[in-house]
Protein backbone atom coordinates (compact mmCIF):
# COMPACT_ATOMS: atom_id res chain seq x y z
CA UNK A 1 -182.57 96.02 -160.01
CA UNK A 2 -185.36 97.28 -162.61
CA UNK A 3 -184.46 96.50 -166.48
CA UNK A 4 -186.34 96.85 -169.35
CA UNK A 5 -188.67 93.69 -170.53
CA UNK A 6 -189.19 93.78 -174.59
CA UNK A 7 -189.75 96.53 -176.53
CA UNK A 8 -190.71 100.68 -176.31
CA UNK A 9 -193.67 101.22 -177.97
CA UNK A 10 -194.18 105.67 -179.31
CA UNK A 11 -196.70 107.09 -180.41
CA UNK A 12 -198.43 110.79 -180.69
CA UNK A 13 -199.10 111.41 -177.06
CA UNK A 14 -198.19 107.26 -175.79
CA UNK A 15 -195.30 105.19 -174.44
CA UNK A 16 -195.07 101.84 -173.53
CA UNK A 17 -192.87 100.59 -171.71
CA UNK A 18 -191.90 96.48 -169.89
CA UNK A 19 -189.43 95.96 -166.95
CA UNK A 20 -189.65 93.69 -164.32
CA UNK A 21 -187.79 93.35 -161.10
CA UNK A 22 -184.85 90.64 -159.75
CA UNK A 23 -182.42 88.60 -160.72
CA UNK A 24 -182.32 88.83 -165.20
CA UNK A 25 -182.51 85.73 -165.28
CA UNK A 26 -185.36 85.20 -162.49
CA UNK A 27 -187.55 88.06 -162.26
CA UNK A 28 -189.73 88.32 -159.39
CA UNK A 29 -191.73 90.44 -161.14
CA UNK A 30 -193.29 92.00 -163.88
CA UNK A 31 -195.34 95.01 -165.42
CA UNK A 32 -195.86 97.81 -168.16
CA UNK A 33 -195.58 101.38 -167.43
CA UNK A 34 -198.24 103.60 -169.50
CA UNK A 35 -196.93 107.21 -170.12
CA UNK A 36 -199.62 109.70 -171.86
CA UNK A 37 -197.58 113.13 -172.40
CA UNK A 38 -198.58 116.93 -173.39
CA UNK A 39 -195.70 119.93 -173.96
CA UNK A 40 -193.69 117.40 -173.83
CA UNK A 41 -193.74 116.21 -170.37
CA UNK A 42 -195.35 112.86 -168.59
CA UNK A 43 -198.61 113.95 -167.64
CA UNK A 44 -199.78 110.98 -166.51
CA UNK A 45 -198.18 107.75 -165.13
CA UNK A 46 -200.03 104.17 -165.41
CA UNK A 47 -198.54 100.73 -164.25
CA UNK A 48 -199.64 97.50 -165.02
CA UNK A 49 -198.78 94.64 -162.31
CA UNK A 50 -198.22 91.08 -164.08
C-alpha cells in the first residue's frame, strides 16, 4: 500500500510529495515525487527512490 510520508510542498510550478510503500510501521520502500505543473496540469513527473 502507498501512503504519504511527510508534508506536501507547493511552490509556484513545483509540487513535492514524499511516499512510502508497504505496511505503515515497516515500509519496504520510500520515495519522493517531484511534479512540474504547467497550465494546471502535470507537465513532468520525476520519482526518486530511497
